[in-house]
Amino acid sequence: MKKRVVSLLMATAISASLLAACGGSSAGSSAATGETGGDAAAAGGTEGAVINIYSWNDEFRTRLEAVYPEVESTSDDGTVTKLKDGTEIHWVINPNQDGVYQQKLDEALLNQGTAADDDKVDIFLSETDYVFKYTDADADVAMPLTDLGIDPDTDLADQYPFTRTTASDQNGVQRGSTWQCCPGLLVYRRDIAKDVFGTDDPAAVGEKVKDWDTLKATAAELKAKGYYTFASYADTFRLYGNSISEPWVTAGETTVKVDPQIMNWIKDSKEWLDAGYFDKTVKGQWNDDWNKSMSSSSKVFAFLLPAWGIDFTLTPNWDGETGAWGVTNPPQEYNWGGSYIHAATGTDNPQHVKDIILALTSNKDNLIKISRDYQDFTNTVSGMQEAATDASFASEFLGGQNAYEYFAPVAENIKIAPLSSYDQGCVELIQNAFSDYFQGNVDYDRAKANFETAIKERYPDITEIQWAE
């Protein structure tokens, strides 16, 4: 099992020869170091001079600088943050694209046991799509929070429960924490709503999109007036994917199980695309056509986005007047994203790491400040309930609407889908394979075969794919 976990850690982009070379040290960094960071803390060991934090962008750095009281200064290039006690945080940033971030992180984690103290990974971040790869108890690369002296049941009691579940291993032991909670809403064009429904009131629009059957009828209304409901079939995937009943791969097995909800997404996406409810020219997300579908010249009515999606994606792509967008309830509760903070097993800075995790994910005042400064929907239930009724959280971009009023109840009802170490590959490759089918490039059976080939290439240990029919 341990050898298989190491293979998964390296599956992103490391060559087979490197995997073989690392196989002999797959007993884990705890054994290699002789003691974990938690052991060092308990023994009262001296903290290191450098805290190495691995991430894929500067989002975590900016939040830490905004609320962590021990920050003294940051270098002009953003690579080093000095703390008041003289300790330096070194930011090791590699892009997410093409698996580069995970490749570099995996290499560092596999070398953790032999690295010099000031070269060890102390903190690293993960995303929801691949968090379980790092919280897996067999991998043992992320420390249990209790080993740092953090009691999740008391210190993190105000967090949204599904975020704690997401950050836990298969035994229910929490091995990470997040400042973010990423519930998603339906974000709509007010002018299109007025044209088709006669109103842009969020409650009235919410009634038109309150469930999938109602939304389908609404999609026909929008089409009749020359509008698309969503830009792409990829826009709805997260809602279906959040509703799967079993993990893509059950722990200890080598079979990918394609859940009935994923099959429903395939069926419904084809139906909606053929009906003209999606824009056929927009093929997936994160491309130029998708970005342009957020512009004032677009005929797309709505997007399904979390708070970060409005801030990082919709706002910069919108070229019309401020206040043209509104938010309302989605057809079902869903979560999209989330950056999890982990203490690396073997860190020589357990006390600093503990302080940072608590300051960034447990301190309610700090999290409310992050929400105000960066529009993040942050991870305290009580804080977000307060924000939902606080007029000062109104958004100019949303025409003076307080989006937290809609985000908060969605967050409280999210039930996270069961996780596995294979989630990122399955989520990416199923969409890639069936995008070709939706676009008419291949037939249904070929799309299935293409997924089976691609998933086995990504994860050579997978032996079978089972399709719910």
Protein backbone atom coordinates (compact mmCIF):
# COMPACT_ATOMS: atom_id res chain seq x y z
CA MET A 1 0.00 0.00 0.00
CA LYS A 2 2.77 2.46 0.89
CA LYS A 3 4.49 1.87 -2.43
CA ARG A 4 1.22 2.55 -4.23
CA VAL A 5 0.74 5.80 -2.33
CA VAL A 6 4.21 6.99 -3.28
CA SER A 7 3.38 6.21 -6.90
CA LEU A 8 0.26 8.33 -6.61
CA LEU A 9 2.25 11.20 -5.17
CA MET A 10 4.45 11.18 -8.23
CA ALA A 11 1.82 10.34 -10.85
CA THR A 12 1.30 13.95 -11.85
CA ALA A 13 4.40 14.39 -13.98
CA ILE A 14 7.34 12.38 -12.65
CA SER A 15 8.93 9.80 -14.93
CA ALA A 16 8.79 6.06 -14.30
CA SER A 17 12.51 5.94 -13.69
CA LEU A 18 12.28 8.52 -10.91
CA LEU A 19 9.43 6.57 -9.34
CA ALA A 20 11.57 3.46 -9.29
CA ALA A 21 14.47 5.34 -7.76
CA CYS A 22 12.26 6.65 -4.96
CA GLY A 23 10.61 3.32 -4.27
CA GLY A 24 13.28 2.23 -1.83
CA SER A 25 12.60 5.13 0.51
CA SER A 26 8.82 4.84 0.42
CA ALA A 27 8.52 4.14 4.12
CA GLY A 28 7.63 7.80 4.58
CA SER A 29 9.31 10.87 5.88
CA SER A 30 8.47 10.14 9.51
CA ALA A 31 10.61 7.03 9.51
CA ALA A 32 13.35 8.73 7.55
CA THR A 33 13.66 11.64 9.96
CA GLY A 34 13.38 9.61 13.12
CA GLU A 35 10.85 12.04 14.59
CA THR A 36 7.95 14.09 13.33
CA GLY A 37 7.56 17.81 13.73
CA GLY A 38 5.06 17.02 16.48
CA ASP A 39 7.73 15.02 18.35
CA ALA A 40 10.14 17.93 18.03
CA ALA A 41 7.54 20.33 19.41
CA ALA A 42 6.81 18.07 22.34
CA ALA A 43 10.50 17.83 23.06
CA GLY A 44 10.81 21.63 23.06
CA GLY A 45 13.25 21.60 20.15
CA THR A 46 14.63 24.79 18.65
CA GLU A 47 12.74 26.10 15.66
CA GLY A 48 14.50 26.52 12.33
CA ALA A 49 15.60 29.80 10.78
CA VAL A 50 13.61 29.30 7.55
CA ILE A 51 9.96 28.34 7.01
CA ASN A 52 9.50 26.96 3.50
CA ILE A 53 5.96 27.32 2.19
CA TYR A 54 5.00 25.65 -1.09
CA SER A 55 2.13 27.08 -3.13
CA TRP A 56 1.08 27.79 -6.72
CA ASN A 57 0.45 31.55 -6.49
CA ASP A 58 0.65 34.46 -4.04
CA GLU A 59 -2.91 34.14 -2.70
CA PHE A 60 -1.87 32.57 0.61
CA ARG A 61 1.03 34.99 1.03
CA THR A 62 -1.22 38.03 0.67
CA ARG A 63 -3.68 36.66 3.23
CA LEU A 64 -0.89 35.84 5.67
CA GLU A 65 0.62 39.30 5.30
CA ALA A 66 -2.79 40.85 5.91
CA VAL A 67 -3.59 39.14 9.22
CA TYR A 68 -0.59 37.34 10.73
CA PRO A 69 0.67 39.70 13.47
CA GLU A 70 4.25 38.37 13.41
CA VAL A 71 4.96 39.65 9.88
CA GLU A 72 7.58 42.39 9.77
CA SER A 73 8.25 42.83 6.05
CA THR A 74 8.28 41.12 2.65
CA SER A 75 10.88 41.46 -0.07
CA ASP A 76 9.98 43.50 -3.13
CA ASP A 77 9.83 40.37 -5.28
CA GLY A 78 7.54 38.58 -2.81
CA THR A 79 9.82 35.60 -2.29
CA VAL A 80 10.83 36.19 1.35
CA THR A 81 8.74 37.35 4.30
CA LYS A 82 10.60 38.23 7.48
CA LEU A 83 8.94 37.68 10.85
CA LYS A 84 9.51 39.81 13.94
CA ASP A 85 11.58 37.08 15.62
CA GLY A 86 14.00 37.01 12.67
CA THR A 87 12.62 33.84 11.09
CA GLU A 88 12.22 34.02 7.32
CA ILE A 89 9.38 32.57 5.31
CA HIS A 90 10.63 31.46 1.90
CA TRP A 91 7.81 31.22 -0.65
CA VAL A 92 8.36 28.38 -3.10
CA ILE A 93 5.93 29.09 -5.93
CA ASN A 94 5.38 26.81 -8.91
CA PRO A 95 2.44 27.06 -11.33
CA ASN A 96 -0.48 24.65 -11.21
CA GLN A 97 -0.48 24.31 -14.99
CA ASP A 98 0.50 20.90 -16.39
CA GLY A 99 0.97 19.49 -12.90
CA VAL A 100 4.17 21.47 -12.27
CA TYR A 101 3.24 22.47 -8.71
CA GLN A 102 2.47 18.93 -7.58
CA GLN A 103 5.56 17.57 -9.32
CA LYS A 104 7.88 19.98 -7.50
CA LEU A 105 6.08 19.48 -4.19
CA ASP A 106 6.16 15.69 -4.51
CA GLU A 107 9.87 15.72 -5.22
CA ALA A 108 10.46 17.84 -2.11
CA LEU A 109 8.26 15.67 0.11
CA LEU A 110 9.99 12.49 -1.02
CA ASN A 111 13.33 14.11 -0.11
CA GLN A 112 12.04 15.46 3.21
CA GLY A 113 13.83 12.86 5.31
CA THR A 114 17.31 13.73 4.02
CA ALA A 115 16.88 17.47 3.42
CA ALA A 116 18.78 19.98 5.56
CA ASP A 117 16.57 21.64 8.17
CA ASP A 118 16.33 24.94 6.31
CA ASP A 119 15.48 23.11 3.07
CA LYS A 120 12.61 21.06 4.50
CA VAL A 121 9.02 21.70 3.45
CA ASP A 122 7.28 23.23 6.45
CA ILE A 123 3.89 24.19 5.03
CA PHE A 124 2.32 23.27 1.72
CA LEU A 125 -1.04 23.97 0.15
CA SER A 126 -3.39 21.73 -1.77
CA GLU A 127 -6.67 22.17 -3.61
CA THR A 128 -9.90 20.27 -3.07
CA ASP A 129 -9.45 18.30 -6.32
CA TYR A 130 -6.30 16.66 -5.03
CA VAL A 131 -6.29 17.27 -1.27
CA PHE A 132 -6.82 13.60 -0.42
CA LYS A 133 -3.62 12.68 -2.22
CA TYR A 134 -1.80 14.53 0.57
CA THR A 135 -4.06 13.84 3.57
CA ASP A 136 -4.01 10.09 2.91
CA ALA A 137 -2.90 8.42 6.14
CA ASP A 138 -0.78 5.91 4.23
CA ALA A 139 1.11 8.73 2.51
CA ASP A 140 1.67 10.45 5.88
CA VAL A 141 3.10 13.60 4.29
CA ALA A 142 0.69 15.97 6.08
CA MET A 143 0.79 15.96 9.87
CA PRO A 144 -2.34 15.36 11.92
CA LEU A 145 -3.25 18.73 13.41
CA THR A 146 -3.34 17.18 16.86
CA ASP A 147 0.41 16.48 16.51
CA LEU A 148 0.89 20.25 16.29
CA GLY A 149 -1.17 20.82 19.42
CA ILE A 150 -4.28 21.91 17.52
CA ASP A 151 -7.56 20.37 18.68
CA PRO A 152 -9.95 20.54 15.72
CA ASP A 153 -12.98 19.94 17.92
CA THR A 154 -12.30 23.09 19.92
CA ASP A 155 -9.85 25.26 17.97
CA LEU A 156 -11.69 24.78 14.66
CA ALA A 157 -15.21 24.22 15.98
CA ASP A 158 -16.58 27.26 14.11
CA GLN A 159 -15.43 26.03 10.70
CA TYR A 160 -17.91 24.68 8.18
CA PRO A 161 -18.05 20.93 8.84
CA PHE A 162 -17.53 19.89 5.22
CA THR A 163 -14.19 21.73 5.08
CA ARG A 164 -12.97 19.77 8.07
CA THR A 165 -14.10 16.54 6.43
CA THR A 166 -12.32 17.49 3.22
CA ALA A 167 -9.08 18.07 5.15
CA SER A 168 -9.26 14.71 6.93
CA ASP A 169 -7.79 11.32 6.07
CA GLN A 170 -9.70 8.08 5.59
CA ASN A 171 -9.71 7.55 9.37
CA GLY A 172 -11.30 10.92 10.08
CA VAL A 173 -8.05 12.50 11.32
CA GLN A 174 -7.79 16.14 10.25
CA ARG A 175 -4.49 16.84 8.46
CA GLY A 176 -5.10 20.33 7.11
CA SER A 177 -7.19 23.45 7.51
CA THR A 178 -8.44 26.26 5.28
CA TRP A 179 -9.36 29.92 5.53
CA GLN A 180 -11.70 29.47 2.57
CA CYS A 181 -15.12 28.02 2.22
CA CYS A 182 -16.16 27.98 -1.42
CA PRO A 183 -19.94 27.63 -1.78
CA GLY A 184 -21.16 28.43 -5.26
CA LEU A 185 -24.05 30.57 -6.46
CA LEU A 186 -25.76 31.34 -9.73
CA VAL A 187 -24.38 34.68 -10.95
CA TYR A 188 -26.62 36.29 -13.55
CA ARG A 189 -26.83 39.26 -15.91
CA ARG A 190 -29.40 41.72 -14.58
CA ASP A 191 -30.20 43.15 -18.01
CA ILE A 192 -30.98 39.72 -19.44
CA ALA A 193 -33.15 38.87 -16.42
CA LYS A 194 -35.17 42.06 -16.95
CA ASP A 195 -35.57 41.35 -20.65
CA VAL A 196 -36.78 37.76 -20.19
CA PHE A 197 -38.43 37.71 -16.74
CA GLY A 198 -39.37 41.36 -16.35
CA THR A 199 -37.33 41.65 -13.15
CA ASP A 200 -33.76 41.32 -11.92
CA ASP A 201 -34.76 40.80 -8.28
CA PRO A 202 -32.58 38.02 -6.81
CA ALA A 203 -35.47 36.33 -5.05
CA ALA A 204 -37.59 36.29 -8.21
CA VAL A 205 -34.69 35.04 -10.32
CA GLY A 206 -33.98 32.44 -7.65
CA GLU A 207 -37.46 31.02 -8.15
CA LYS A 208 -36.71 30.62 -11.86
CA VAL A 209 -33.57 28.53 -11.15
CA LYS A 210 -34.46 26.82 -7.86
CA ASP A 211 -33.97 23.25 -9.11
CA TRP A 212 -32.93 21.49 -12.30
CA ASP A 213 -36.45 20.92 -13.63
CA THR A 214 -37.38 24.55 -13.10
CA LEU A 215 -34.10 25.73 -14.59
CA LYS A 216 -34.67 23.60 -17.69
CA ALA A 217 -37.99 25.32 -18.28
CA THR A 218 -36.31 28.68 -17.70
CA ALA A 219 -33.60 27.74 -20.20
CA ALA A 220 -36.30 27.39 -22.85
CA GLU A 221 -37.56 30.89 -22.00
CA LEU A 222 -34.06 32.30 -22.33
CA LYS A 223 -33.50 30.54 -25.65
CA ALA A 224 -36.74 31.94 -27.03
CA LYS A 225 -35.34 35.43 -26.43
CA GLY A 226 -31.97 34.61 -27.99
CA TYR A 227 -29.95 33.87 -24.84
CA TYR A 228 -27.92 30.94 -23.55
CA THR A 229 -28.46 29.79 -19.97
CA PHE A 230 -24.78 28.94 -19.41
CA ALA A 231 -21.70 29.28 -21.58
CA SER A 232 -20.59 25.65 -21.54
CA TYR A 233 -21.39 22.11 -20.44
CA ALA A 234 -18.32 22.40 -18.20
CA ASP A 235 -20.07 25.10 -16.16
CA THR A 236 -22.48 22.58 -14.62
CA PHE A 237 -20.00 19.78 -13.92
CA ARG A 238 -19.19 20.79 -10.34
CA LEU A 239 -22.80 20.48 -9.26
CA TYR A 240 -23.08 16.93 -10.51
CA GLY A 241 -19.57 16.03 -9.35
CA ASN A 242 -20.33 17.26 -5.82
CA SER A 243 -23.24 14.82 -5.66
CA ILE A 244 -21.51 11.50 -6.31
CA SER A 245 -22.35 8.78 -3.78
CA GLU A 246 -19.07 6.85 -3.93
CA PRO A 247 -15.45 7.94 -4.42
CA TRP A 248 -14.01 7.63 -7.91
CA VAL A 249 -11.70 4.95 -6.50
CA THR A 250 -12.37 3.22 -3.20
CA ALA A 251 -9.35 3.06 -0.89
CA GLY A 252 -7.31 -0.07 -1.52
CA GLU A 253 -8.95 -0.79 -4.88
CA THR A 254 -7.82 -0.28 -8.47
CA THR A 255 -11.22 0.26 -10.11
CA VAL A 256 -12.53 3.65 -11.24
CA LYS A 257 -16.28 3.83 -10.70
CA VAL A 258 -18.10 6.39 -12.83
CA ASP A 259 -20.97 7.48 -10.59
CA PRO A 260 -24.59 7.75 -11.83
CA GLN A 261 -24.41 11.51 -11.26
CA ILE A 262 -21.52 11.78 -13.73
CA MET A 263 -23.55 9.80 -16.23
CA ASN A 264 -26.42 12.22 -15.63
CA TRP A 265 -24.09 15.12 -16.38
CA ILE A 266 -23.11 13.49 -19.69
CA LYS A 267 -26.74 12.86 -20.65
CA ASP A 268 -28.01 16.28 -19.57
CA SER A 269 -25.09 18.15 -21.12
CA LYS A 270 -25.73 16.56 -24.51
CA GLU A 271 -29.43 17.34 -24.24
CA TRP A 272 -28.85 20.96 -23.22
CA LEU A 273 -26.21 21.54 -25.86
CA ASP A 274 -28.42 20.10 -28.60
CA ALA A 275 -31.34 22.22 -27.34
CA GLY A 276 -29.27 25.41 -27.62
CA TYR A 277 -29.13 26.15 -23.89
CA PHE A 278 -25.30 26.26 -24.00
CA ASP A 279 -23.18 28.23 -26.46
CA LYS A 280 -21.72 25.62 -28.83
CA THR A 281 -18.73 27.85 -29.59
CA VAL A 282 -17.57 27.70 -25.95
CA LYS A 283 -15.71 24.44 -25.47
CA GLY A 284 -15.02 23.96 -21.79
CA GLN A 285 -13.65 26.56 -19.38
CA TRP A 286 -10.47 28.55 -18.83
CA ASN A 287 -10.08 29.49 -22.48
CA ASP A 288 -10.52 32.66 -24.51
CA ASP A 289 -14.06 31.84 -25.66
CA TRP A 290 -15.19 31.18 -22.09
CA ASN A 291 -13.63 34.44 -20.90
CA LYS A 292 -15.34 36.35 -23.71
CA SER A 293 -18.68 34.83 -22.77
CA MET A 294 -18.47 36.98 -19.62
CA SER A 295 -18.28 40.21 -21.65
CA SER A 296 -21.04 42.72 -22.31
CA SER A 297 -21.45 41.50 -25.90
CA SER A 298 -22.18 37.94 -24.78
CA LYS A 299 -25.64 36.34 -24.82
CA VAL A 300 -24.87 34.13 -21.81
CA PHE A 301 -27.28 34.66 -18.93
CA ALA A 302 -25.46 33.09 -15.99
CA PHE A 303 -22.40 31.39 -14.51
CA LEU A 304 -22.07 29.03 -11.58
CA LEU A 305 -19.30 30.50 -9.45
CA PRO A 306 -17.96 30.70 -5.88
CA ALA A 307 -16.78 33.97 -4.35
CA TRP A 308 -13.29 33.62 -5.81
CA GLY A 309 -14.81 33.04 -9.24
CA ILE A 310 -16.60 36.37 -9.12
CA ASP A 311 -13.48 38.19 -7.95
CA PHE A 312 -10.77 36.48 -10.04
CA THR A 313 -12.66 35.45 -13.17
CA LEU A 314 -15.91 37.33 -13.79
CA THR A 315 -14.84 40.80 -12.66
CA PRO A 316 -11.73 41.10 -14.85
CA ASN A 317 -13.58 39.71 -17.89
CA TRP A 318 -16.54 42.08 -17.59
CA ASP A 319 -16.25 45.21 -19.75
CA GLY A 320 -19.65 46.75 -19.08
CA GLU A 321 -21.08 48.98 -16.38
CA THR A 322 -20.56 48.18 -12.71
CA GLY A 323 -23.62 46.65 -11.08
CA ALA A 324 -24.70 44.63 -14.11
CA TRP A 325 -24.51 41.28 -12.31
CA GLY A 326 -26.49 39.77 -9.44
CA VAL A 327 -26.36 36.55 -7.45
CA THR A 328 -29.01 34.10 -6.37
CA ASN A 329 -29.40 30.51 -5.23
CA PRO A 330 -28.07 27.74 -7.52
CA PRO A 331 -30.27 24.82 -8.60
CA GLN A 332 -28.49 22.73 -5.94
CA GLU A 333 -25.86 23.39 -3.28
CA TYR A 334 -22.28 22.91 -4.37
CA ASN A 335 -18.70 23.75 -3.52
CA TRP A 336 -15.99 24.72 -5.98
CA GLY A 337 -12.43 24.94 -4.79
CA GLY A 338 -10.67 25.67 -1.55
CA SER A 339 -6.98 25.93 -0.67
CA TYR A 340 -5.92 23.74 2.25
CA ILE A 341 -2.94 24.47 4.50
CA HIS A 342 -0.90 21.47 5.64
CA ALA A 343 1.97 21.02 8.05
CA ALA A 344 4.56 18.87 6.31
CA THR A 345 5.61 15.79 8.24
CA GLY A 346 9.21 16.37 9.30
CA THR A 347 8.96 20.17 9.60
CA ASP A 348 11.52 21.70 11.93
CA ASN A 349 9.16 24.64 12.65
CA PRO A 350 6.11 23.03 14.28
CA GLN A 351 5.33 25.97 16.59
CA HIS A 352 5.47 28.55 13.81
CA VAL A 353 3.37 26.29 11.60
CA LYS A 354 0.79 25.85 14.35
CA ASP A 355 0.59 29.62 14.91
CA ILE A 356 0.16 30.30 11.19
CA ILE A 357 -2.58 27.70 10.76
CA LEU A 358 -4.51 29.02 13.76
CA ALA A 359 -4.10 32.66 12.72
CA LEU A 360 -5.22 31.99 9.15
CA THR A 361 -8.01 29.46 9.71
CA SER A 362 -9.30 29.80 13.27
CA ASN A 363 -9.20 33.46 14.26
CA LYS A 364 -12.63 34.87 13.41
CA ASP A 365 -11.52 38.51 13.32
CA ASN A 366 -8.68 37.64 10.94
CA LEU A 367 -11.03 35.76 8.64
CA ILE A 368 -13.58 38.57 8.55
CA LYS A 369 -10.75 40.94 7.61
CA ILE A 370 -9.80 38.61 4.75
CA SER A 371 -13.43 38.64 3.61
CA ARG A 372 -13.49 42.42 3.64
CA ASP A 373 -10.12 42.87 1.95
CA TYR A 374 -10.30 40.07 -0.63
CA GLN A 375 -14.00 39.11 -0.93
CA ASP A 376 -13.21 35.53 0.10
CA PHE A 377 -16.05 33.62 1.71
CA THR A 378 -14.11 32.58 4.80
CA ASN A 379 -14.34 29.60 7.08
CA THR A 380 -16.17 30.57 10.26
CA VAL A 381 -19.90 29.88 10.38
CA SER A 382 -20.60 32.65 12.86
CA GLY A 383 -18.49 35.17 10.96
CA MET A 384 -20.24 34.51 7.66
CA GLN A 385 -23.66 34.60 9.31
CA GLU A 386 -22.78 38.06 10.58
CA ALA A 387 -21.52 39.13 7.16
CA ALA A 388 -24.77 37.96 5.57
CA THR A 389 -26.72 40.58 7.52
CA ASP A 390 -24.07 43.33 7.46
CA ALA A 391 -24.79 45.99 4.84
CA SER A 392 -21.12 46.96 4.76
CA PHE A 393 -20.43 43.73 2.85
CA ALA A 394 -22.47 44.95 -0.12
CA SER A 395 -20.66 44.65 -3.45
CA GLU A 396 -20.47 47.51 -5.92
CA PHE A 397 -19.81 45.02 -8.72
CA LEU A 398 -23.09 43.26 -7.82
CA GLY A 399 -25.10 46.47 -7.82
CA GLY A 400 -25.00 46.91 -4.05
CA GLN A 401 -26.09 43.35 -3.32
CA ASN A 402 -24.61 41.51 -0.34
CA ALA A 403 -23.61 38.15 -1.83
CA TYR A 404 -22.91 36.69 1.62
CA GLU A 405 -26.66 36.63 2.20
CA TYR A 406 -26.84 33.92 -0.47
CA PHE A 407 -23.47 32.25 0.09
CA ALA A 408 -24.06 31.56 3.80
CA PRO A 409 -27.10 29.24 3.55
CA VAL A 410 -25.53 27.35 0.63
CA ALA A 411 -22.36 26.75 2.67
CA GLU A 412 -24.35 25.44 5.62
CA ASN A 413 -26.01 22.79 3.44
CA ILE A 414 -23.02 21.49 1.49
CA LYS A 415 -22.26 17.80 1.88
CA ILE A 416 -18.87 17.11 0.39
CA ALA A 417 -18.59 14.23 -2.08
CA PRO A 418 -16.46 11.25 -0.97
CA LEU A 419 -12.83 11.87 -1.85
CA SER A 420 -10.04 9.76 -3.30
CA SER A 421 -6.44 10.24 -4.36
CA TYR A 422 -7.53 9.99 -8.00
CA ASP A 423 -10.07 12.83 -8.02
CA GLN A 424 -8.15 15.41 -10.01
CA GLY A 425 -7.33 13.06 -12.86
CA CYS A 426 -10.84 11.61 -13.02
CA VAL A 427 -12.48 15.05 -12.97
CA GLU A 428 -10.19 16.44 -15.67
CA LEU A 429 -10.14 13.44 -17.97
CA ILE A 430 -13.86 12.64 -17.93
CA GLN A 431 -14.57 16.20 -19.03
CA ASN A 432 -11.87 16.09 -21.71
CA ALA A 433 -13.10 12.79 -23.13
CA PHE A 434 -16.74 13.78 -23.32
CA SER A 435 -16.04 17.29 -24.57
CA ASP A 436 -15.08 15.60 -27.84
CA TYR A 437 -18.40 13.72 -27.76
CA PHE A 438 -20.44 16.85 -27.08
CA GLN A 439 -18.71 18.62 -29.96
CA GLY A 440 -19.46 15.75 -32.34
CA ASN A 441 -15.83 14.74 -32.85
CA VAL A 442 -16.34 11.20 -31.53
CA ASP A 443 -19.31 9.01 -30.70
CA TYR A 444 -20.38 8.03 -27.19
CA ASP A 445 -18.58 4.69 -27.09
CA ARG A 446 -15.35 6.24 -28.37
CA ALA A 447 -15.56 8.91 -25.64
CA LYS A 448 -15.85 6.17 -23.02
CA ALA A 449 -12.91 4.29 -24.51
CA ASN A 450 -10.85 7.47 -24.63
CA PHE A 451 -11.49 8.09 -20.95
CA GLU A 452 -10.50 4.54 -20.06
CA THR A 453 -7.26 4.87 -21.99
CA ALA A 454 -6.45 8.29 -20.54
CA ILE A 455 -7.13 7.37 -16.92
CA LYS A 456 -4.96 4.26 -17.13
CA GLU A 457 -2.16 6.31 -18.64
CA ARG A 458 -2.45 8.87 -15.84
CA TYR A 459 -2.67 6.19 -13.14
CA PRO A 460 -0.95 2.97 -14.28
CA ASP A 461 -2.22 1.07 -11.21
CA ILE A 462 -5.86 1.39 -12.38
CA THR A 463 -7.03 -1.94 -13.79
CA GLU A 464 -10.73 -1.44 -14.52
CA ILE A 465 -13.35 1.24 -15.18
CA GLN A 466 -16.94 0.56 -14.20
CA TRP A 467 -19.69 2.68 -15.80
CA ALA A 468 -23.01 3.27 -14.10
CA GLU A 469 -25.72 2.81 -16.70
